[in-house]
Amino acid sequence: NFENLLEQLPELDLLDCRIETISFPIPIDSSAMTPKD
């Protein structure tokens, strides 16, 4: 869950910017990507 990104990467707290996340409802393997994506 990318909303819990900071749990995986606490280092991001040290960056001098504000970070927010958004995810595709269903993550896609890039080999299945199409122009619609």
PDB file of all heavy atoms in Angstrom:
ATOM      1  N   ASN A   1       0.848  -1.190   0.000  1.00  0.00           N
ATOM      2  CA  ASN A   1       0.000   0.000   0.000  1.00  0.00           C
ATOM      3  C   ASN A   1       0.886   1.243   0.000  1.00  0.00           C
ATOM      4  O   ASN A   1       1.600   1.511   0.956  1.00  0.00           O
ATOM      5  CB  ASN A   1      -0.906  -0.005   1.238  1.00  0.00           C
ATOM      6  CG  ASN A   1      -1.905   1.132   1.208  1.00  0.00           C
ATOM      7  OD1 ASN A   1      -1.777   2.081   0.441  1.00  0.00           O
ATOM      8  ND2 ASN A   1      -2.921   1.034   2.050  1.00  0.00           N
ATOM      9  N   PHE A   2       0.810   2.024  -1.085  1.00  0.00           N
ATOM     10  CA  PHE A   2       1.693   3.178  -1.187  1.00  0.00           C
ATOM     11  C   PHE A   2       1.326   4.311  -0.247  1.00  0.00           C
ATOM     12  O   PHE A   2       2.092   5.259  -0.091  1.00  0.00           O
ATOM     13  CB  PHE A   2       1.784   3.657  -2.639  1.00  0.00           C
ATOM     14  CG  PHE A   2       3.073   3.243  -3.276  1.00  0.00           C
ATOM     15  CD1 PHE A   2       3.270   1.935  -3.693  1.00  0.00           C
ATOM     16  CD2 PHE A   2       4.114   4.140  -3.405  1.00  0.00           C
ATOM     17  CE1 PHE A   2       4.468   1.540  -4.234  1.00  0.00           C
ATOM     18  CE2 PHE A   2       5.319   3.748  -3.956  1.00  0.00           C
ATOM     19  CZ  PHE A   2       5.495   2.441  -4.374  1.00  0.00           C
ATOM     20  N   GLU A   3       0.170   4.226   0.369  1.00  0.00           N
ATOM     21  CA  GLU A   3      -0.146   5.222   1.394  1.00  0.00           C
ATOM     22  C   GLU A   3       0.747   5.023   2.610  1.00  0.00           C
ATOM     23  O   GLU A   3       0.916   5.927   3.428  1.00  0.00           O
ATOM     24  CB  GLU A   3      -1.622   5.106   1.779  1.00  0.00           C
ATOM     25  CG  GLU A   3      -2.566   5.552   0.663  1.00  0.00           C
ATOM     26  CD  GLU A   3      -4.020   5.427   1.063  1.00  0.00           C
ATOM     27  OE1 GLU A   3      -4.280   5.054   2.226  1.00  0.00           O
ATOM     28  OE2 GLU A   3      -4.886   5.695   0.220  1.00  0.00           O
ATOM     29  N   ASN A   4       1.324   3.826   2.724  1.00  0.00           N
ATOM     30  CA  ASN A   4       2.240   3.524   3.838  1.00  0.00           C
ATOM     31  C   ASN A   4       3.694   3.559   3.379  1.00  0.00           C
ATOM     32  O   ASN A   4       4.550   2.855   3.908  1.00  0.00           O
ATOM     33  CB  ASN A   4       1.912   2.140   4.432  1.00  0.00           C
ATOM     34  CG  ASN A   4       0.485   2.062   4.914  1.00  0.00           C
ATOM     35  OD1 ASN A   4      -0.054   3.037   5.432  1.00  0.00           O
ATOM     36  ND2 ASN A   4      -0.137   0.916   4.743  1.00  0.00           N
ATOM     37  N   LEU A   5       3.956   4.404   2.387  1.00  0.00           N
ATOM     38  CA  LEU A   5       5.290   4.454   1.787  1.00  0.00           C
ATOM     39  C   LEU A   5       6.378   4.784   2.796  1.00  0.00           C
ATOM     40  O   LEU A   5       7.473   4.221   2.767  1.00  0.00           O
ATOM     41  CB  LEU A   5       5.291   5.493   0.654  1.00  0.00           C
ATOM     42  CG  LEU A   5       6.613   5.694  -0.097  1.00  0.00           C
ATOM     43  CD1 LEU A   5       7.004   4.410  -0.807  1.00  0.00           C
ATOM     44  CD2 LEU A   5       6.497   6.827  -1.093  1.00  0.00           C
ATOM     45  N   LEU A   6       6.087   5.713   3.701  1.00  0.00           N
ATOM     46  CA  LEU A   6       7.108   6.134   4.660  1.00  0.00           C
ATOM     47  C   LEU A   6       7.526   4.998   5.593  1.00  0.00           C
ATOM     48  O   LEU A   6       8.637   5.007   6.125  1.00  0.00           O
ATOM     49  CB  LEU A   6       6.620   7.331   5.471  1.00  0.00           C
ATOM     50  CG  LEU A   6       6.537   8.657   4.694  1.00  0.00           C
ATOM     51  CD1 LEU A   6       5.964   9.755   5.578  1.00  0.00           C
ATOM     52  CD2 LEU A   6       7.894   9.073   4.167  1.00  0.00           C
ATOM     53  N   GLU A   7       6.652   4.032   5.769  1.00  0.00           N
ATOM     54  CA  GLU A   7       7.033   2.877   6.581  1.00  0.00           C
ATOM     55  C   GLU A   7       8.112   2.061   5.889  1.00  0.00           C
ATOM     56  O   GLU A   7       8.990   1.485   6.526  1.00  0.00           O
ATOM     57  CB  GLU A   7       5.801   1.988   6.849  1.00  0.00           C
ATOM     58  CG  GLU A   7       4.753   2.644   7.740  1.00  0.00           C
ATOM     59  CD  GLU A   7       3.541   1.756   7.919  1.00  0.00           C
ATOM     60  OE1 GLU A   7       3.654   0.542   7.616  1.00  0.00           O
ATOM     61  OE2 GLU A   7       2.492   2.254   8.353  1.00  0.00           O
ATOM     62  N   GLN A   8       8.045   2.012   4.569  1.00  0.00           N
ATOM     63  CA  GLN A   8       9.046   1.288   3.796  1.00  0.00           C
ATOM     64  C   GLN A   8      10.308   2.123   3.584  1.00  0.00           C
ATOM     65  O   GLN A   8      11.408   1.595   3.513  1.00  0.00           O
ATOM     66  CB  GLN A   8       8.472   0.901   2.423  1.00  0.00           C
ATOM     67  CG  GLN A   8       7.319  -0.089   2.474  1.00  0.00           C
ATOM     68  CD  GLN A   8       7.749  -1.459   2.947  1.00  0.00           C
ATOM     69  OE1 GLN A   8       8.871  -1.903   2.677  1.00  0.00           O
ATOM     70  NE2 GLN A   8       6.881  -2.137   3.683  1.00  0.00           N
ATOM     71  N   LEU A   9      10.100   3.433   3.476  1.00  0.00           N
ATOM     72  CA  LEU A   9      11.221   4.336   3.182  1.00  0.00           C
ATOM     73  C   LEU A   9      11.197   5.540   4.126  1.00  0.00           C
ATOM     74  O   LEU A   9      10.836   6.649   3.721  1.00  0.00           O
ATOM     75  CB  LEU A   9      11.135   4.828   1.734  1.00  0.00           C
ATOM     76  CG  LEU A   9      11.753   3.949   0.663  1.00  0.00           C
ATOM     77  CD1 LEU A   9      11.506   4.546  -0.704  1.00  0.00           C
ATOM     78  CD2 LEU A   9      13.250   3.783   0.871  1.00  0.00           C
ATOM     79  N   PRO A  10      11.589   5.379   5.366  1.00  0.00           N
ATOM     80  CA  PRO A  10      11.595   6.513   6.301  1.00  0.00           C
ATOM     81  C   PRO A  10      12.550   7.615   5.861  1.00  0.00           C
ATOM     82  O   PRO A  10      12.413   8.762   6.290  1.00  0.00           O
ATOM     83  CB  PRO A  10      12.045   5.876   7.622  1.00  0.00           C
ATOM     84  CG  PRO A  10      12.705   4.592   7.240  1.00  0.00           C
ATOM     85  CD  PRO A  10      12.037   4.125   6.006  1.00  0.00           C
ATOM     86  N   GLU A  11      13.491   7.284   4.964  1.00  0.00           N
ATOM     87  CA  GLU A  11      14.429   8.290   4.450  1.00  0.00           C
ATOM     88  C   GLU A  11      13.714   9.438   3.734  1.00  0.00           C
ATOM     89  O   GLU A  11      14.227  10.551   3.653  1.00  0.00           O
ATOM     90  CB  GLU A  11      15.427   7.646   3.469  1.00  0.00           C
ATOM     91  CG  GLU A  11      16.289   6.558   4.073  1.00  0.00           C
ATOM     92  CD  GLU A  11      15.717   5.159   3.804  1.00  0.00           C
ATOM     93  OE1 GLU A  11      14.477   5.020   3.865  1.00  0.00           O
ATOM     94  OE2 GLU A  11      16.508   4.239   3.561  1.00  0.00           O
ATOM     95  N   LEU A  12      12.529   9.156   3.205  1.00  0.00           N
ATOM     96  CA  LEU A  12      11.799  10.195   2.477  1.00  0.00           C
ATOM     97  C   LEU A  12      11.431  11.363   3.377  1.00  0.00           C
ATOM     98  O   LEU A  12      11.219  12.481   2.901  1.00  0.00           O
ATOM     99  CB  LEU A  12      10.533   9.608   1.835  1.00  0.00           C
ATOM    100  CG  LEU A  12      10.745   8.564   0.735  1.00  0.00           C
ATOM    101  CD1 LEU A  12       9.417   8.120   0.168  1.00  0.00           C
ATOM    102  CD2 LEU A  12      11.644   9.099  -0.376  1.00  0.00           C
ATOM    103  N   ASP A  13      11.351  11.120   4.684  1.00  0.00           N
ATOM    104  CA  ASP A  13      11.062  12.184   5.647  1.00  0.00           C
ATOM    105  C   ASP A  13      12.168  13.239   5.671  1.00  0.00           C
ATOM    106  O   ASP A  13      11.949  14.369   6.117  1.00  0.00           O
ATOM    107  CB  ASP A  13      10.908  11.584   7.053  1.00  0.00           C
ATOM    108  CG  ASP A  13       9.447  11.557   7.480  1.00  0.00           C
ATOM    109  OD1 ASP A  13       8.634  12.222   6.817  1.00  0.00           O
ATOM    110  OD2 ASP A  13       9.133  10.858   8.459  1.00  0.00           O
ATOM    111  N   LEU A  14      13.363  12.864   5.216  1.00  0.00           N
ATOM    112  CA  LEU A  14      14.513  13.765   5.244  1.00  0.00           C
ATOM    113  C   LEU A  14      14.560  14.684   4.028  1.00  0.00           C
ATOM    114  O   LEU A  14      15.338  15.642   4.005  1.00  0.00           O
ATOM    115  CB  LEU A  14      15.814  12.949   5.329  1.00  0.00           C
ATOM    116  CG  LEU A  14      15.937  11.984   6.520  1.00  0.00           C
ATOM    117  CD1 LEU A  14      17.215  11.149   6.409  1.00  0.00           C
ATOM    118  CD2 LEU A  14      15.912  12.753   7.837  1.00  0.00           C
ATOM    119  N   LEU A  15      13.772  14.383   3.011  1.00  0.00           N
ATOM    120  CA  LEU A  15      13.784  15.202   1.798  1.00  0.00           C
ATOM    121  C   LEU A  15      13.104  16.539   2.047  1.00  0.00           C
ATOM    122  O   LEU A  15      12.131  16.633   2.807  1.00  0.00           O
ATOM    123  CB  LEU A  15      13.089  14.474   0.651  1.00  0.00           C
ATOM    124  CG  LEU A  15      13.778  13.199   0.147  1.00  0.00           C
ATOM    125  CD1 LEU A  15      12.911  12.513  -0.909  1.00  0.00           C
ATOM    126  CD2 LEU A  15      15.150  13.514  -0.424  1.00  0.00           C
ATOM    127  N   ASP A  16      13.612  17.560   1.395  1.00  0.00           N
ATOM    128  CA  ASP A  16      13.101  18.915   1.601  1.00  0.00           C
ATOM    129  C   ASP A  16      11.909  19.192   0.680  1.00  0.00           C
ATOM    130  O   ASP A  16      11.935  20.115  -0.145  1.00  0.00           O
ATOM    131  CB  ASP A  16      14.227  19.917   1.348  1.00  0.00           C
ATOM    132  CG  ASP A  16      13.873  21.300   1.875  1.00  0.00           C
ATOM    133  OD1 ASP A  16      13.045  21.376   2.811  1.00  0.00           O
ATOM    134  OD2 ASP A  16      14.400  22.290   1.335  1.00  0.00           O
ATOM    135  N   CYS A  17      10.891  18.357   0.781  1.00  0.00           N
ATOM    136  CA  CYS A  17       9.675  18.548  -0.009  1.00  0.00           C
ATOM    137  C   CYS A  17       8.538  17.787   0.655  1.00  0.00           C
ATOM    138  O   CYS A  17       8.760  16.948   1.528  1.00  0.00           O
ATOM    139  CB  CYS A  17       9.876  18.062  -1.452  1.00  0.00           C
ATOM    140  SG  CYS A  17      10.314  16.321  -1.587  1.00  0.00           S
ATOM    141  N   ARG A  18       7.341  18.107   0.250  1.00  0.00           N
ATOM    142  CA  ARG A  18       6.166  17.385   0.738  1.00  0.00           C
ATOM    143  C   ARG A  18       5.801  16.329  -0.297  1.00  0.00           C
ATOM    144  O   ARG A  18       5.726  16.628  -1.492  1.00  0.00           O
ATOM    145  CB  ARG A  18       4.995  18.338   0.947  1.00  0.00           C
ATOM    146  CG  ARG A  18       5.230  19.371   2.044  1.00  0.00           C
ATOM    147  CD  ARG A  18       3.975  20.229   2.259  1.00  0.00           C
ATOM    148  NE  ARG A  18       4.177  21.212   3.302  1.00  0.00           N
ATOM    149  CZ  ARG A  18       4.668  22.446   3.094  1.00  0.00           C
ATOM    150  NH1 ARG A  18       5.006  22.801   1.870  1.00  0.00           N
ATOM    151  NH2 ARG A  18       4.821  23.284   4.101  1.00  0.00           N
ATOM    152  N   ILE A  19       5.549  15.123   0.161  1.00  0.00           N
ATOM    153  CA  ILE A  19       5.254  14.025  -0.757  1.00  0.00           C
ATOM    154  C   ILE A  19       3.878  13.457  -0.464  1.00  0.00           C
ATOM    155  O   ILE A  19       3.552  13.143   0.679  1.00  0.00           O
ATOM    156  CB  ILE A  19       6.302  12.895  -0.624  1.00  0.00           C
ATOM    157  CG1 ILE A  19       7.717  13.437  -0.857  1.00  0.00           C
ATOM    158  CG2 ILE A  19       5.996  11.755  -1.598  1.00  0.00           C
ATOM    159  CD1 ILE A  19       8.810  12.488  -0.451  1.00  0.00           C
ATOM    160  N   GLU A  20       3.072  13.360  -1.493  1.00  0.00           N
ATOM    161  CA  GLU A  20       1.799  12.669  -1.394  1.00  0.00           C
ATOM    162  C   GLU A  20       1.758  11.580  -2.455  1.00  0.00           C
ATOM    163  O   GLU A  20       2.492  11.657  -3.459  1.00  0.00           O
ATOM    164  CB  GLU A  20       0.631  13.646  -1.547  1.00  0.00           C
ATOM    165  CG  GLU A  20       0.547  14.635  -0.389  1.00  0.00           C
ATOM    166  CD  GLU A  20      -0.681  15.528  -0.469  1.00  0.00           C
ATOM    167  OE1 GLU A  20      -1.611  15.189  -1.236  1.00  0.00           O
ATOM    168  OE2 GLU A  20      -0.696  16.568   0.219  1.00  0.00           O
ATOM    169  N   THR A  21       0.942  10.568  -2.220  1.00  0.00           N
ATOM    170  CA  THR A  21       0.928   9.425  -3.134  1.00  0.00           C
ATOM    171  C   THR A  21      -0.468   9.159  -3.663  1.00  0.00           C
ATOM    172  O   THR A  21      -1.475   9.478  -3.026  1.00  0.00           O
ATOM    173  CB  THR A  21       1.433   8.149  -2.429  1.00  0.00           C
ATOM    174  OG1 THR A  21       0.530   7.830  -1.351  1.00  0.00           O
ATOM    175  CG2 THR A  21       2.827   8.336  -1.874  1.00  0.00           C
ATOM    176  N   ILE A  22      -0.487   8.567  -4.852  1.00  0.00           N
ATOM    177  CA  ILE A  22      -1.731   8.096  -5.450  1.00  0.00           C
ATOM    178  C   ILE A  22      -1.378   6.837  -6.230  1.00  0.00           C
ATOM    179  O   ILE A  22      -0.297   6.744  -6.814  1.00  0.00           O
ATOM    180  CB  ILE A  22      -2.368   9.182  -6.350  1.00  0.00           C
ATOM    181  CG1 ILE A  22      -3.777   8.784  -6.787  1.00  0.00           C
ATOM    182  CG2 ILE A  22      -1.501   9.488  -7.564  1.00  0.00           C
ATOM    183  CD1 ILE A  22      -4.557   9.919  -7.437  1.00  0.00           C
ATOM    184  N   SER A  23      -2.266   5.866  -6.220  1.00  0.00           N
ATOM    185  CA  SER A  23      -1.987   4.595  -6.896  1.00  0.00           C
ATOM    186  C   SER A  23      -3.087   4.239  -7.878  1.00  0.00           C
ATOM    187  O   SER A  23      -4.250   4.613  -7.687  1.00  0.00           O
ATOM    188  CB  SER A  23      -1.876   3.457  -5.874  1.00  0.00           C
ATOM    189  OG  SER A  23      -0.825   3.662  -4.979  1.00  0.00           O
ATOM    190  N   PHE A  24      -2.699   3.515  -8.919  1.00  0.00           N
ATOM    191  CA  PHE A  24      -3.704   2.886  -9.761  1.00  0.00           C
ATOM    192  C   PHE A  24      -4.529   1.955  -8.869  1.00  0.00           C
ATOM    193  O   PHE A  24      -3.959   1.294  -8.001  1.00  0.00           O
ATOM    194  CB  PHE A  24      -3.030   2.060 -10.856  1.00  0.00           C
ATOM    195  CG  PHE A  24      -2.723   2.820 -12.122  1.00  0.00           C
ATOM    196  CD1 PHE A  24      -2.685   4.200 -12.153  1.00  0.00           C
ATOM    197  CD2 PHE A  24      -2.479   2.139 -13.306  1.00  0.00           C
ATOM    198  CE1 PHE A  24      -2.399   4.891 -13.312  1.00  0.00           C
ATOM    199  CE2 PHE A  24      -2.194   2.807 -14.480  1.00  0.00           C
ATOM    200  CZ  PHE A  24      -2.159   4.196 -14.491  1.00  0.00           C
ATOM    201  N   PRO A  25      -5.848   1.889  -9.061  1.00  0.00           N
ATOM    202  CA  PRO A  25      -6.665   0.991  -8.245  1.00  0.00           C
ATOM    203  C   PRO A  25      -6.155  -0.452  -8.277  1.00  0.00           C
ATOM    204  O   PRO A  25      -6.125  -1.140  -7.264  1.00  0.00           O
ATOM    205  CB  PRO A  25      -8.057   1.104  -8.880  1.00  0.00           C
ATOM    206  CG  PRO A  25      -8.050   2.426  -9.568  1.00  0.00           C
ATOM    207  CD  PRO A  25      -6.651   2.647 -10.031  1.00  0.00           C
ATOM    208  N   ILE A  26      -5.761  -0.878  -9.478  1.00  0.00           N
ATOM    209  CA  ILE A  26      -5.151  -2.197  -9.634  1.00  0.00           C
ATOM    210  C   ILE A  26      -3.798  -1.988 -10.309  1.00  0.00           C
ATOM    211  O   ILE A  26      -3.742  -1.589 -11.478  1.00  0.00           O
ATOM    212  CB  ILE A  26      -6.026  -3.124 -10.495  1.00  0.00           C
ATOM    213  CG1 ILE A  26      -7.405  -3.301  -9.862  1.00  0.00           C
ATOM    214  CG2 ILE A  26      -5.340  -4.490 -10.673  1.00  0.00           C
ATOM    215  CD1 ILE A  26      -8.382  -4.081 -10.713  1.00  0.00           C
ATOM    216  N   PRO A  27      -2.687  -2.220  -9.593  1.00  0.00           N
ATOM    217  CA  PRO A  27      -1.364  -2.035 -10.203  1.00  0.00           C
ATOM    218  C   PRO A  27      -1.199  -2.908 -11.446  1.00  0.00           C
ATOM    219  O   PRO A  27      -1.699  -4.031 -11.505  1.00  0.00           O
ATOM    220  CB  PRO A  27      -0.412  -2.468  -9.088  1.00  0.00           C
ATOM    221  CG  PRO A  27      -1.191  -2.292  -7.822  1.00  0.00           C
ATOM    222  CD  PRO A  27      -2.601  -2.613  -8.184  1.00  0.00           C
ATOM    223  N   ILE A  28      -0.501  -2.362 -12.435  1.00  0.00           N
ATOM    224  CA  ILE A  28      -0.348  -3.037 -13.726  1.00  0.00           C
ATOM    225  C   ILE A  28       1.107  -3.423 -13.952  1.00  0.00           C
ATOM    226  O   ILE A  28       2.015  -2.603 -13.789  1.00  0.00           O
ATOM    227  CB  ILE A  28      -0.807  -2.111 -14.876  1.00  0.00           C
ATOM    228  CG1 ILE A  28      -2.272  -1.712 -14.699  1.00  0.00           C
ATOM    229  CG2 ILE A  28      -0.621  -2.782 -16.227  1.00  0.00           C
ATOM    230  CD1 ILE A  28      -2.735  -0.677 -15.711  1.00  0.00           C
ATOM    231  N   ASP A  29       1.325  -4.663 -14.344  1.00  0.00           N
ATOM    232  CA  ASP A  29       2.652  -5.056 -14.815  1.00  0.00           C
ATOM    233  C   ASP A  29       2.922  -4.281 -16.097  1.00  0.00           C
ATOM    234  O   ASP A  29       2.053  -4.198 -16.973  1.00  0.00           O
ATOM    235  CB  ASP A  29       2.684  -6.560 -15.087  1.00  0.00           C
ATOM    236  CG  ASP A  29       4.089  -7.053 -15.412  1.00  0.00           C
ATOM    237  OD1 ASP A  29       4.578  -6.716 -16.514  1.00  0.00           O
ATOM    238  OD2 ASP A  29       4.688  -7.758 -14.600  1.00  0.00           O
ATOM    239  N   SER A  30       4.108  -3.727 -16.241  1.00  0.00           N
ATOM    240  CA  SER A  30       4.340  -2.832 -17.378  1.00  0.00           C
ATOM    241  C   SER A  30       4.239  -3.547 -18.723  1.00  0.00           C
ATOM    242  O   SER A  30       3.983  -2.918 -19.747  1.00  0.00           O
ATOM    243  CB  SER A  30       5.692  -2.127 -17.253  1.00  0.00           C
ATOM    244  OG  SER A  30       6.751  -2.972 -17.606  1.00  0.00           O
ATOM    245  N   SER A  31       4.420  -4.866 -18.742  1.00  0.00           N
ATOM    246  CA  SER A  31       4.277  -5.592 -20.004  1.00  0.00           C
ATOM    247  C   SER A  31       2.823  -5.613 -20.463  1.00  0.00           C
ATOM    248  O   SER A  31       2.531  -5.919 -21.625  1.00  0.00           O
ATOM    249  CB  SER A  31       4.810  -7.023 -19.862  1.00  0.00           C
ATOM    250  OG  SER A  31       4.098  -7.722 -18.863  1.00  0.00           O
ATOM    251  N   ALA A  32       1.895  -5.279 -19.567  1.00  0.00           N
ATOM    252  CA  ALA A  32       0.472  -5.217 -19.915  1.00  0.00           C
ATOM    253  C   ALA A  32       0.009  -3.787 -20.168  1.00  0.00           C
ATOM    254  O   ALA A  32      -1.180  -3.550 -20.414  1.00  0.00           O
ATOM    255  CB  ALA A  32      -0.369  -5.845 -18.801  1.00  0.00           C
ATOM    256  N   MET A  33       0.921  -2.808 -20.087  1.00  0.00           N
ATOM    257  CA  MET A  33       0.568  -1.401 -20.309  1.00  0.00           C
ATOM    258  C   MET A  33       0.084  -1.176 -21.741  1.00  0.00           C
ATOM    259  O   MET A  33       0.626  -1.750 -22.687  1.00  0.00           O
ATOM    260  CB  MET A  33       1.777  -0.503 -20.065  1.00  0.00           C
ATOM    261  CG  MET A  33       1.997  -0.149 -18.622  1.00  0.00           C
ATOM    262  SD  MET A  33       1.029   1.285 -18.153  1.00  0.00           S
ATOM    263  CE  MET A  33       1.417   1.354 -16.408  1.00  0.00           C
ATOM    264  N   THR A  34      -0.918  -0.325 -21.887  1.00  0.00           N
ATOM    265  CA  THR A  34      -1.421   0.074 -23.202  1.00  0.00           C
ATOM    266  C   THR A  34      -1.514   1.602 -23.242  1.00  0.00           C
ATOM    267  O   THR A  34      -1.419   2.266 -22.198  1.00  0.00           O
ATOM    268  CB  THR A  34      -2.824  -0.505 -23.459  1.00  0.00           C
ATOM    269  OG1 THR A  34      -3.768   0.170 -22.596  1.00  0.00           O
ATOM    270  CG2 THR A  34      -2.866  -2.007 -23.191  1.00  0.00           C
ATOM    271  N   PRO A  35      -1.712   2.180 -24.421  1.00  0.00           N
ATOM    272  CA  PRO A  35      -1.911   3.632 -24.486  1.00  0.00           C
ATOM    273  C   PRO A  35      -3.053   4.132 -23.607  1.00  0.00           C
ATOM    274  O   PRO A  35      -3.029   5.276 -23.159  1.00  0.00           O
ATOM    275  CB  PRO A  35      -2.192   3.873 -25.976  1.00  0.00           C
ATOM    276  CG  PRO A  35      -1.396   2.803 -26.662  1.00  0.00           C
ATOM    277  CD  PRO A  35      -1.547   1.595 -25.772  1.00  0.00           C
ATOM    278  N   LYS A  36      -4.041   3.290 -23.335  1.00  0.00           N
ATOM    279  CA  LYS A  36      -5.131   3.707 -22.423  1.00  0.00           C
ATOM    280  C   LYS A  36      -4.579   3.971 -21.022  1.00  0.00           C
ATOM    281  O   LYS A  36      -5.056   4.853 -20.302  1.00  0.00           O
ATOM    282  CB  LYS A  36      -6.217   2.639 -22.386  1.00  0.00           C
ATOM    283  CG  LYS A  36      -7.003   2.506 -23.675  1.00  0.00           C
ATOM    284  CD  LYS A  36      -8.074   1.442 -23.573  1.00  0.00           C
ATOM    285  CE  LYS A  36      -8.884   1.354 -24.871  1.00  0.00           C
ATOM    286  NZ  LYS A  36      -8.055   0.949 -26.035  1.00  0.00           N
ATOM    287  N   ASP A  37      -3.559   3.213 -20.637  1.00  0.00           N
ATOM    288  CA  ASP A  37      -2.936   3.435 -19.332  1.00  0.00           C
ATOM    289  C   ASP A  37      -2.083   4.705 -19.339  1.00  0.00           C
ATOM    290  O   ASP A  37      -1.972   5.377 -18.320  1.00  0.00           O
ATOM    291  CB  ASP A  37      -2.100   2.212 -18.931  1.00  0.00           C
ATOM    292  CG  ASP A  37      -2.944   0.951 -18.842  1.00  0.00           C
ATOM    293  OD1 ASP A  37      -3.956   0.983 -18.125  1.00  0.00           O
ATOM    294  OD2 ASP A  37      -2.609  -0.039 -19.511  1.00  0.00           O
TER     295      ASP A  37
END
